[in-house]
Amino acid sequence: MDIAALKQHDTGFKTAYDSGSGYELTIKLMDLFVICPRKRQRKQQYKRFVKYLASRGITLSIISRKHDKNNIN
């Protein structure tokens, strides 16, 4: 479900995921929360998802309002 939602949101992600090529996606936490809802709006809620994508060569960087904009997960 999260994969399908991100594919709709970002065509570059869709292409990379489908082809198995590397990709970097930087997204604000509040935007990711709308696209891929979780129980709470916290970066920690996406840890497994970020790890899974990393195993497929995709880097998902989440920017939080509360933290430094360079704080990448």
N, C-alpha and C. Protein backbone atom coordinates (compact mmCIF):
# COMPACT_ATOMS: atom_id res chain seq x y z
N MET A 1 0.82 -1.19 0.00
CA MET A 1 0.00 0.00 0.00
C MET A 1 0.87 1.26 0.00
N ASP A 2 1.90 1.29 0.86
CA ASP A 2 2.80 2.44 0.88
C ASP A 2 3.53 2.59 -0.45
N ILE A 3 3.94 1.46 -1.00
CA ILE A 3 4.65 1.49 -2.29
C ILE A 3 3.75 2.06 -3.36
N ALA A 4 2.53 1.58 -3.44
CA ALA A 4 1.58 2.06 -4.45
C ALA A 4 1.32 3.56 -4.29
N ALA A 5 1.19 4.01 -3.05
CA ALA A 5 0.93 5.43 -2.80
C ALA A 5 2.12 6.29 -3.23
N LEU A 6 3.34 5.84 -2.93
CA LEU A 6 4.52 6.60 -3.34
C LEU A 6 4.71 6.57 -4.85
N LYS A 7 4.35 5.46 -5.49
CA LYS A 7 4.43 5.38 -6.95
C LYS A 7 3.52 6.41 -7.59
N GLN A 8 2.35 6.60 -7.02
CA GLN A 8 1.42 7.61 -7.54
C GLN A 8 1.94 9.02 -7.29
N HIS A 9 2.59 9.22 -6.18
CA HIS A 9 3.08 10.54 -5.79
C HIS A 9 4.31 10.97 -6.59
N ASP A 10 5.20 10.04 -6.90
CA ASP A 10 6.48 10.38 -7.53
C ASP A 10 6.79 9.39 -8.65
N THR A 11 6.76 9.86 -9.89
CA THR A 11 6.99 8.97 -11.03
C THR A 11 8.43 8.45 -11.07
N GLY A 12 9.38 9.23 -10.57
CA GLY A 12 10.77 8.78 -10.49
C GLY A 12 10.90 7.59 -9.57
N PHE A 13 10.17 7.64 -8.45
CA PHE A 13 10.16 6.52 -7.51
C PHE A 13 9.57 5.29 -8.19
N LYS A 14 8.48 5.48 -8.90
CA LYS A 14 7.82 4.36 -9.58
C LYS A 14 8.77 3.68 -10.55
N THR A 15 9.45 4.48 -11.36
CA THR A 15 10.39 3.95 -12.34
C THR A 15 11.52 3.19 -11.65
N ALA A 16 12.09 3.80 -10.61
CA ALA A 16 13.21 3.16 -9.89
C ALA A 16 12.77 1.87 -9.21
N TYR A 17 11.62 1.89 -8.57
CA TYR A 17 11.14 0.70 -7.85
C TYR A 17 10.86 -0.44 -8.84
N ASP A 18 10.20 -0.11 -9.93
CA ASP A 18 9.85 -1.13 -10.91
C ASP A 18 11.06 -1.70 -11.64
N SER A 19 12.07 -0.87 -11.85
CA SER A 19 13.24 -1.32 -12.60
C SER A 19 14.37 -1.84 -11.71
N GLY A 20 14.27 -1.55 -10.41
CA GLY A 20 15.31 -1.99 -9.48
C GLY A 20 16.54 -1.09 -9.48
N SER A 21 16.39 0.11 -10.04
CA SER A 21 17.53 1.04 -10.05
C SER A 21 17.51 1.91 -8.80
N GLY A 22 18.63 2.55 -8.53
CA GLY A 22 18.75 3.41 -7.36
C GLY A 22 17.98 4.71 -7.54
N TYR A 23 17.58 5.29 -6.41
CA TYR A 23 16.82 6.54 -6.44
C TYR A 23 16.89 7.18 -5.06
N GLU A 24 16.84 8.50 -5.04
CA GLU A 24 16.81 9.24 -3.78
C GLU A 24 15.56 10.10 -3.75
N LEU A 25 14.79 9.96 -2.72
CA LEU A 25 13.57 10.74 -2.55
C LEU A 25 13.63 11.45 -1.21
N THR A 26 13.53 12.76 -1.24
CA THR A 26 13.49 13.56 -0.02
C THR A 26 12.08 14.11 0.11
N ILE A 27 11.48 13.91 1.26
CA ILE A 27 10.08 14.31 1.44
C ILE A 27 9.87 14.82 2.86
N LYS A 28 8.99 15.78 3.00
CA LYS A 28 8.65 16.30 4.33
C LYS A 28 7.80 15.26 5.06
N LEU A 29 8.01 15.16 6.35
CA LEU A 29 7.26 14.22 7.18
C LEU A 29 5.76 14.43 7.03
N MET A 30 5.32 15.69 7.04
CA MET A 30 3.88 15.95 6.95
C MET A 30 3.31 15.48 5.61
N ASP A 31 4.08 15.57 4.53
CA ASP A 31 3.62 15.10 3.23
C ASP A 31 3.59 13.57 3.19
N LEU A 32 4.62 12.94 3.74
CA LEU A 32 4.67 11.48 3.77
C LEU A 32 3.52 10.92 4.62
N PHE A 33 3.20 11.61 5.70
CA PHE A 33 2.12 11.18 6.57
C PHE A 33 0.77 11.18 5.84
N VAL A 34 0.59 12.12 4.93
CA VAL A 34 -0.65 12.18 4.14
C VAL A 34 -0.66 11.05 3.10
N ILE A 35 0.50 10.80 2.48
CA ILE A 35 0.60 9.78 1.44
C ILE A 35 0.56 8.37 2.03
N CYS A 36 1.30 8.17 3.09
CA CYS A 36 1.42 6.86 3.75
C CYS A 36 1.13 7.04 5.24
N PRO A 37 -0.13 7.08 5.62
CA PRO A 37 -0.49 7.36 7.02
C PRO A 37 0.03 6.31 8.01
N ARG A 38 0.32 6.79 9.19
CA ARG A 38 0.73 5.95 10.30
C ARG A 38 -0.09 6.35 11.52
N LYS A 39 0.09 5.63 12.61
CA LYS A 39 -0.62 5.93 13.84
C LYS A 39 -0.25 7.32 14.37
N ARG A 40 1.04 7.62 14.28
CA ARG A 40 1.55 8.93 14.73
C ARG A 40 2.42 9.55 13.65
N GLN A 41 2.47 10.86 13.64
CA GLN A 41 3.28 11.58 12.65
C GLN A 41 4.69 11.78 13.22
N ARG A 42 5.48 10.71 13.17
CA ARG A 42 6.86 10.73 13.65
C ARG A 42 7.74 9.95 12.68
N LYS A 43 8.97 10.40 12.54
CA LYS A 43 9.91 9.72 11.64
C LYS A 43 10.11 8.26 12.02
N GLN A 44 10.09 7.98 13.31
CA GLN A 44 10.32 6.62 13.77
C GLN A 44 9.27 5.65 13.23
N GLN A 45 8.10 6.12 12.92
CA GLN A 45 7.03 5.28 12.41
C GLN A 45 7.35 4.71 11.02
N TYR A 46 8.31 5.32 10.33
CA TYR A 46 8.66 4.91 8.97
C TYR A 46 9.99 4.16 8.89
N LYS A 47 10.57 3.82 10.04
CA LYS A 47 11.89 3.18 10.08
C LYS A 47 11.96 1.90 9.25
N ARG A 48 11.01 1.00 9.42
CA ARG A 48 11.02 -0.26 8.67
C ARG A 48 10.86 -0.01 7.17
N PHE A 49 10.01 0.93 6.83
CA PHE A 49 9.78 1.26 5.43
C PHE A 49 11.05 1.81 4.79
N VAL A 50 11.75 2.69 5.50
CA VAL A 50 13.01 3.26 5.01
C VAL A 50 14.05 2.15 4.83
N LYS A 51 14.12 1.23 5.78
CA LYS A 51 15.07 0.10 5.68
C LYS A 51 14.75 -0.79 4.48
N TYR A 52 13.47 -1.08 4.30
CA TYR A 52 13.07 -1.91 3.16
C TYR A 52 13.45 -1.25 1.84
N LEU A 53 13.16 0.03 1.71
CA LEU A 53 13.49 0.72 0.47
C LEU A 53 15.01 0.75 0.26
N ALA A 54 15.76 0.93 1.32
CA ALA A 54 17.22 0.94 1.22
C ALA A 54 17.73 -0.39 0.70
N SER A 55 17.08 -1.48 1.09
CA SER A 55 17.49 -2.79 0.61
C SER A 55 17.25 -2.95 -0.89
N ARG A 56 16.39 -2.09 -1.43
CA ARG A 56 16.10 -2.11 -2.86
C ARG A 56 16.84 -0.99 -3.60
N GLY A 57 17.76 -0.31 -2.90
CA GLY A 57 18.57 0.73 -3.53
C GLY A 57 17.91 2.09 -3.59
N ILE A 58 16.84 2.27 -2.82
CA ILE A 58 16.13 3.56 -2.81
C ILE A 58 16.33 4.22 -1.45
N THR A 59 16.80 5.46 -1.48
CA THR A 59 17.02 6.22 -0.26
C THR A 59 15.84 7.14 -0.03
N LEU A 60 15.14 6.94 1.07
CA LEU A 60 14.03 7.80 1.44
C LEU A 60 14.48 8.68 2.60
N SER A 61 14.60 9.96 2.34
CA SER A 61 15.02 10.92 3.36
C SER A 61 13.80 11.70 3.81
N ILE A 62 13.56 11.67 5.10
CA ILE A 62 12.37 12.33 5.67
C ILE A 62 12.82 13.56 6.44
N ILE A 63 12.25 14.70 6.09
CA ILE A 63 12.57 15.96 6.76
C ILE A 63 11.46 16.28 7.75
N SER A 64 11.86 16.48 8.99
CA SER A 64 10.91 16.79 10.05
C SER A 64 10.94 18.27 10.35
N ARG A 65 9.80 18.84 10.66
CA ARG A 65 9.73 20.27 11.03
C ARG A 65 10.51 20.55 12.30
N LYS A 66 10.48 19.61 13.22
CA LYS A 66 11.07 19.84 14.53
C LYS A 66 12.60 19.74 14.53
N HIS A 67 13.14 19.11 13.52
CA HIS A 67 14.58 18.87 13.51
C HIS A 67 15.25 19.64 12.38
N ASP A 68 16.53 19.65 12.43
CA ASP A 68 17.36 20.26 11.40
C ASP A 68 16.98 19.71 10.03
N LYS A 69 16.86 20.55 9.04
CA LYS A 69 16.48 20.12 7.69
C LYS A 69 17.50 19.18 7.08
N ASN A 70 18.70 19.12 7.63
CA ASN A 70 19.72 18.20 7.12
C ASN A 70 19.65 16.86 7.85
N ASN A 71 18.75 16.73 8.80
CA ASN A 71 18.61 15.49 9.56
C ASN A 71 17.89 14.47 8.68
N ILE A 72 18.65 13.56 8.12
CA ILE A 72 18.10 12.58 7.20
C ILE A 72 18.05 11.23 7.89
N ASN A 73 16.95 10.55 7.71
CA ASN A 73 16.76 9.26 8.36
C ASN A 73 17.52 8.16 7.70
